[in-house]
């Protein structure tokens, strides 16, 4: 009877008698294997992100390092009243809409054509992937050489074919420079759109298209009422990813035009770089990068919310 009372008074003794290890001891091996990855992830992602977020609320200039201090929202208030920021934001939007829209249109057409069975289809699929496989910096430098108005391949061919009397200033004229950036961006990004569209098209059963044909639907009706609704979820994800990548693309305008002429091709992310590493305004440049990040988070949330209301993911 006394033994029973002891067990009741000391319930922990019952747990010890079971011999079952604790949660931490049981999963010690799993945690030890995950720990290096967590440390590496913290070192290259979370710590720089936290440092950048803190830097956006400070006045930090390498020209005057002794004046570094916390200044609250002053950097963001300055950005709201900065004409260069609004110009860079407009440039980012033009680049994003132009590149994403045209690359999706070209990828959709390519995917629809390559979805049919014909001779050497695999070879054409592989060749179209070349612009996406080539490293971005390599393709941008190659395009910069081809668009050069002094010895560029495109201007040389245009002059020799007597299509123009003098070299075209592709990268020196503000409008042509923006058009050149959009063309190069579409060239390097549409294969990704083509792959995603082609993957979505390959998942559509052939019975649906055959049934539509038997019911008298033409190709446009089949595409509008069957193909497009079925590939719409993939379209949403692909265009959203491309919009985020294009809005934050630093290499394309930096390598191709350097942001010129007269800042006409300077997107927000490139302006943040110039403020931080050319004008040495570390705090202000970081705040511009944070604004870019917040805009992309809002874009993703709004875009997915609207598509969910339309029943895309139901």
Protein backbone atom coordinates (compact mmCIF):
# COMPACT_ATOMS: atom_id res chain seq x y z
CA UNK A 1 0.00 0.00 0.00
CA UNK A 2 2.88 2.35 0.81
CA UNK A 3 4.49 1.57 -2.56
CA UNK A 4 1.32 2.65 -4.34
CA UNK A 5 1.25 5.89 -2.39
CA UNK A 6 4.85 6.60 -3.32
CA UNK A 7 4.07 6.14 -7.00
CA UNK A 8 1.14 8.49 -6.75
CA UNK A 9 3.15 11.10 -4.90
CA UNK A 10 6.00 10.88 -7.41
CA UNK A 11 4.48 10.62 -10.91
CA UNK A 12 7.85 11.32 -12.49
CA UNK A 13 9.06 8.01 -11.23
CA UNK A 14 6.53 6.31 -13.48
CA UNK A 15 7.95 8.12 -16.50
CA UNK A 16 11.46 7.11 -15.55
CA UNK A 17 10.43 3.51 -15.12
CA UNK A 18 9.03 3.37 -18.67
CA UNK A 19 12.50 3.82 -20.13
CA UNK A 20 11.28 6.00 -23.01
CA UNK A 21 13.81 8.67 -24.09
CA UNK A 22 12.85 12.34 -24.15
CA UNK A 23 11.96 14.16 -27.37
CA UNK A 24 15.37 15.83 -27.64
CA UNK A 25 17.31 12.64 -27.00
CA UNK A 26 15.14 10.73 -29.44
CA UNK A 27 15.69 13.27 -32.25
CA UNK A 28 19.25 14.26 -31.39
CA UNK A 29 20.64 12.79 -34.60
CA UNK A 30 18.09 14.63 -36.77
CA UNK A 31 18.76 17.96 -35.07
CA UNK A 32 22.52 17.48 -35.35
CA UNK A 33 22.18 16.89 -39.10
CA UNK A 34 19.95 19.95 -39.60
CA UNK A 35 22.07 22.26 -37.44
CA UNK A 36 24.84 22.97 -40.01
CA UNK A 37 22.26 23.93 -42.62
CA UNK A 38 20.49 26.22 -40.16
CA UNK A 39 23.75 27.91 -39.21
CA UNK A 40 24.67 28.37 -42.87
CA UNK A 41 21.18 29.70 -43.68
CA UNK A 42 21.33 32.13 -40.77
CA UNK A 43 24.79 33.34 -41.82
CA UNK A 44 23.94 34.05 -45.48
CA UNK A 45 20.22 34.94 -45.30
CA UNK A 46 18.79 35.95 -41.95
CA UNK A 47 21.74 37.86 -40.54
CA UNK A 48 22.31 39.98 -43.70
CA UNK A 49 18.56 40.57 -43.96
CA UNK A 50 18.31 41.73 -40.34
CA UNK A 51 21.39 43.92 -40.78
CA UNK A 52 19.96 45.46 -43.94
CA UNK A 53 16.61 46.15 -42.30
CA UNK A 54 18.37 47.88 -39.42
CA UNK A 55 20.60 49.84 -41.82
CA UNK A 56 17.54 51.26 -43.59
CA UNK A 57 16.64 53.20 -40.44
CA UNK A 58 20.05 54.82 -40.00
CA UNK A 59 21.95 57.71 -41.46
CA UNK A 60 25.12 56.04 -42.64
CA UNK A 61 27.45 57.75 -45.07
CA UNK A 62 30.96 56.49 -45.77
CA UNK A 63 31.98 60.08 -46.44
CA UNK A 64 30.94 61.04 -42.90
CA UNK A 65 31.14 57.82 -40.85
CA UNK A 66 31.34 59.72 -37.56
CA UNK A 67 27.77 60.99 -38.10
CA UNK A 68 26.24 57.50 -38.30
CA UNK A 69 23.09 57.43 -36.20
CA UNK A 70 19.55 56.13 -36.01
CA UNK A 71 17.24 58.48 -37.92
CA UNK A 72 13.94 56.57 -37.92
CA UNK A 73 11.88 57.04 -41.09
CA UNK A 74 13.93 59.92 -42.50
CA UNK A 75 15.37 57.79 -45.31
CA UNK A 76 11.90 56.73 -46.44
CA UNK A 77 10.53 60.28 -46.22
CA UNK A 78 13.45 61.43 -48.35
CA UNK A 79 12.70 58.68 -50.87
CA UNK A 80 9.07 59.81 -51.17
CA UNK A 81 10.21 63.33 -52.10
CA UNK A 82 13.07 62.22 -54.37
CA UNK A 83 12.39 62.69 -58.09
CA UNK A 84 15.04 60.11 -59.01
CA UNK A 85 13.24 57.47 -56.95
CA UNK A 86 9.94 58.01 -58.75
CA UNK A 87 11.73 57.99 -62.11
CA UNK A 88 13.47 54.74 -61.17
CA UNK A 89 10.18 53.24 -60.01
CA UNK A 90 8.55 54.12 -63.34
CA UNK A 91 11.50 52.60 -65.18
CA UNK A 92 11.19 49.41 -63.13
CA UNK A 93 7.49 49.14 -63.93
CA UNK A 94 8.04 49.70 -67.66
CA UNK A 95 10.78 47.08 -67.75
CA UNK A 96 8.73 44.57 -65.74
CA UNK A 97 5.52 44.95 -67.75
CA UNK A 98 7.32 44.96 -71.10
CA UNK A 99 9.64 42.04 -70.43
CA UNK A 100 7.15 39.82 -68.59
CA UNK A 101 4.28 40.51 -71.00
CA UNK A 102 6.26 39.93 -74.19
CA UNK A 103 8.20 36.97 -72.82
CA UNK A 104 4.98 35.25 -71.77
CA UNK A 105 3.35 35.93 -75.14
CA UNK A 106 6.37 34.56 -77.00
CA UNK A 107 6.65 31.62 -74.61
CA UNK A 108 2.97 30.82 -75.05
CA UNK A 109 3.23 30.81 -78.83
CA UNK A 110 6.39 28.70 -78.70
CA UNK A 111 4.83 26.27 -76.26
CA UNK A 112 1.72 25.84 -78.39
CA UNK A 113 3.80 25.20 -81.50
CA UNK A 114 6.22 22.80 -79.82
CA UNK A 115 3.39 20.89 -78.18
CA UNK A 116 2.47 19.37 -81.54
CA UNK A 117 4.27 16.32 -82.83
CA UNK A 118 6.54 17.01 -85.78
CA UNK A 119 9.96 16.05 -86.99
CA UNK A 120 13.02 17.18 -84.94
CA UNK A 121 10.79 18.64 -82.24
CA UNK A 122 13.32 17.74 -79.53
CA UNK A 123 16.07 19.66 -81.32
CA UNK A 124 13.97 22.81 -81.55
CA UNK A 125 13.08 22.54 -77.88
CA UNK A 126 16.76 22.29 -76.97
CA UNK A 127 17.76 25.23 -79.18
CA UNK A 128 15.11 27.51 -77.70
CA UNK A 129 16.51 26.83 -74.23
CA UNK A 130 19.93 28.25 -75.17
CA UNK A 131 19.13 31.91 -74.22
CA UNK A 132 18.00 30.75 -70.78
CA UNK A 133 20.93 28.38 -70.24
CA UNK A 134 23.62 30.94 -71.14
CA UNK A 135 24.85 32.82 -68.04
CA UNK A 136 23.10 36.21 -67.86
CA UNK A 137 26.28 38.28 -67.70
CA UNK A 138 27.67 36.54 -70.78
CA UNK A 139 24.51 37.16 -72.80
CA UNK A 140 24.24 40.78 -71.64
CA UNK A 141 27.85 41.54 -72.60
CA UNK A 142 27.31 39.89 -75.98
CA UNK A 143 24.21 42.00 -76.60
CA UNK A 144 26.05 45.12 -75.50
CA UNK A 145 28.68 44.44 -78.13
CA UNK A 146 26.09 43.74 -80.83
CA UNK A 147 24.15 46.93 -80.02
CA UNK A 148 27.23 49.13 -79.89
CA UNK A 149 26.94 52.06 -82.31
CA UNK A 150 30.65 52.07 -83.19
CA UNK A 151 31.47 48.46 -84.04
CA UNK A 152 28.33 46.54 -83.10
CA UNK A 153 27.27 43.66 -85.29
CA UNK A 154 23.70 44.90 -85.71
CA UNK A 155 24.70 48.39 -86.85
CA UNK A 156 27.35 47.00 -89.19
CA UNK A 157 24.80 44.73 -90.86
CA UNK A 158 22.21 47.50 -91.10
CA UNK A 159 24.70 49.84 -92.78
CA UNK A 160 26.03 47.18 -95.17
CA UNK A 161 22.52 46.21 -96.19
CA UNK A 162 21.77 49.90 -96.79
CA UNK A 163 18.84 49.81 -94.41
CA UNK A 164 20.17 52.86 -92.54
CA UNK A 165 22.50 55.64 -93.59
CA UNK A 166 24.28 55.96 -90.24
CA UNK A 167 24.63 53.75 -87.16
CA UNK A 168 21.60 53.60 -84.91
CA UNK A 169 22.23 54.75 -81.33
CA UNK A 170 20.58 51.81 -79.62
CA UNK A 171 22.16 52.40 -76.22
CA UNK A 172 22.58 56.19 -76.37
CA UNK A 173 19.02 57.20 -77.18
CA UNK A 174 16.75 57.01 -74.08
CA UNK A 175 13.80 55.40 -75.88
CA UNK A 176 15.93 53.01 -77.90
CA UNK A 177 17.92 52.10 -74.79
CA UNK A 178 14.75 51.10 -72.95
CA UNK A 179 13.53 49.17 -75.99
CA UNK A 180 16.91 47.41 -76.20
CA UNK A 181 16.71 46.38 -72.54
CA UNK A 182 13.21 44.98 -73.07
CA UNK A 183 14.29 43.06 -76.18
CA UNK A 184 17.31 41.55 -74.42
CA UNK A 185 15.21 40.73 -71.36
CA UNK A 186 12.57 39.00 -73.46
CA UNK A 187 15.24 37.06 -75.37
CA UNK A 188 16.76 35.70 -72.15
CA UNK A 189 13.49 35.00 -70.30
CA UNK A 190 10.95 33.65 -72.76
CA UNK A 191 12.42 30.08 -72.69
CA UNK A 192 11.40 29.83 -69.03
CA UNK A 193 7.87 30.80 -69.99
CA UNK A 194 7.96 28.29 -72.83
CA UNK A 195 8.99 25.47 -70.49
CA UNK A 196 6.27 26.21 -67.96
CA UNK A 197 3.59 26.56 -70.63
CA UNK A 198 4.76 23.40 -72.37
CA UNK A 199 4.66 21.47 -69.09
CA UNK A 200 1.11 22.67 -68.47
CA UNK A 201 0.04 21.81 -72.01
CA UNK A 202 1.46 18.30 -71.77
CA UNK A 203 -0.73 17.64 -68.71
CA UNK A 204 -3.98 18.38 -70.61
CA UNK A 205 -5.64 15.10 -71.68
CA UNK A 206 -6.03 14.64 -75.42
CA UNK A 207 -9.61 13.52 -74.86
CA UNK A 208 -10.66 17.09 -74.09
CA UNK A 209 -9.37 18.45 -77.37
CA UNK A 210 -10.84 15.53 -79.30
CA UNK A 211 -14.22 16.01 -77.65
CA UNK A 212 -14.15 19.73 -78.46
CA UNK A 213 -13.31 18.96 -82.10
CA UNK A 214 -16.19 16.49 -82.31
CA UNK A 215 -18.52 19.15 -80.91
CA UNK A 216 -17.53 21.51 -83.72
CA UNK A 217 -15.17 23.83 -81.81
CA UNK A 218 -12.46 25.48 -83.86
CA UNK A 219 -8.87 26.01 -82.68
CA UNK A 220 -9.52 29.43 -81.17
CA UNK A 221 -12.53 28.18 -79.21
CA UNK A 222 -10.57 25.17 -77.99
CA UNK A 223 -7.74 27.41 -76.85
CA UNK A 224 -10.06 29.94 -75.19
CA UNK A 225 -12.40 27.59 -73.34
CA UNK A 226 -10.19 24.55 -72.68
CA UNK A 227 -6.48 25.24 -73.01
CA UNK A 228 -6.22 28.68 -71.42
CA UNK A 229 -8.31 27.93 -68.30
CA UNK A 230 -6.29 24.77 -67.65
CA UNK A 231 -2.90 26.48 -67.95
CA UNK A 232 -3.99 29.60 -66.06
CA UNK A 233 -2.66 28.46 -62.63
CA UNK A 234 0.77 27.83 -64.14
CA UNK A 235 0.53 31.17 -65.93
CA UNK A 236 -0.08 32.98 -62.66
CA UNK A 237 2.92 31.41 -60.94
CA UNK A 238 5.25 31.86 -63.93
CA UNK A 239 4.37 35.51 -64.54
CA UNK A 240 4.58 36.29 -60.84
CA UNK A 241 8.05 34.78 -60.55
CA UNK A 242 9.18 36.56 -63.70
CA UNK A 243 7.80 39.87 -62.44
CA UNK A 244 9.75 39.55 -59.18
CA UNK A 245 12.94 38.50 -60.96
CA UNK A 246 12.66 41.27 -63.55
CA UNK A 247 11.84 44.00 -61.05
CA UNK A 248 14.91 43.03 -59.02
CA UNK A 249 17.16 42.35 -62.01
CA UNK A 250 20.37 44.27 -61.42
CA UNK A 251 22.61 42.78 -64.08
CA UNK A 252 20.55 43.61 -67.18
CA UNK A 253 20.51 47.45 -66.95
CA UNK A 254 23.90 47.60 -65.23
CA UNK A 255 25.75 45.66 -67.92
CA UNK A 256 23.80 46.85 -70.95
CA UNK A 257 23.47 50.60 -70.33
CA UNK A 258 24.79 51.31 -66.84
CA UNK A 259 21.50 53.04 -66.13
CA UNK A 260 21.94 55.64 -68.84
CA UNK A 261 21.56 57.71 -70.79
CA UNK A 262 20.57 60.36 -68.23
CA UNK A 263 19.22 57.71 -65.82
CA UNK A 264 16.52 56.75 -68.33
CA UNK A 265 17.17 53.04 -67.79
CA UNK A 266 17.94 53.11 -64.06
CA UNK A 267 15.47 50.87 -62.17
CA UNK A 268 14.95 51.11 -58.44
CA UNK A 269 17.37 48.30 -57.59
CA UNK A 270 20.15 49.92 -59.65
CA UNK A 271 19.45 53.30 -58.02
CA UNK A 272 19.84 51.65 -54.62
CA UNK A 273 23.25 50.33 -55.73
CA UNK A 274 24.33 53.75 -56.97
CA UNK A 275 23.30 55.44 -53.74
CA UNK A 276 25.04 52.87 -51.56
CA UNK A 277 28.25 52.12 -53.47
CA UNK A 278 28.83 55.11 -55.74
CA UNK A 279 27.52 57.97 -53.62
CA UNK A 280 28.36 56.09 -50.39
CA UNK A 281 24.94 56.72 -48.81
CA UNK A 282 24.69 53.25 -47.28
CA UNK A 283 21.61 53.92 -45.18
CA UNK A 284 19.63 55.63 -47.94
CA UNK A 285 20.60 53.03 -50.55
CA UNK A 286 19.55 50.23 -48.19
CA UNK A 287 16.19 51.90 -47.62
CA UNK A 288 15.60 51.94 -51.39
CA UNK A 289 16.36 48.22 -51.55
CA UNK A 290 13.90 47.63 -48.70
CA UNK A 291 11.24 49.60 -50.59
CA UNK A 292 11.82 47.36 -53.59
CA UNK A 293 11.45 44.24 -51.44
CA UNK A 294 8.22 45.50 -49.86
CA UNK A 295 6.75 46.35 -53.27
CA UNK A 296 7.45 42.85 -54.53
CA UNK A 297 5.88 41.29 -51.44
CA UNK A 298 2.77 43.42 -51.95
CA UNK A 299 2.66 42.52 -55.64
CA UNK A 300 2.84 38.83 -54.88
CA UNK A 301 0.16 39.04 -52.18
CA UNK A 302 -2.26 41.10 -54.29
CA UNK A 303 -1.71 39.03 -57.43
CA UNK A 304 -2.31 35.71 -55.71
CA UNK A 305 -5.29 37.13 -53.82
CA UNK A 306 -6.99 38.29 -57.00
CA UNK A 307 -6.40 34.98 -58.73
CA UNK A 308 -7.73 33.08 -55.72
CA UNK A 309 -10.93 35.13 -55.81
CA UNK A 310 -11.38 34.20 -59.44
CA UNK A 311 -11.23 30.54 -58.49
CA UNK A 312 -7.89 29.69 -60.09
CA UNK A 313 -6.69 27.64 -57.15
CA UNK A 314 -9.96 26.08 -56.16
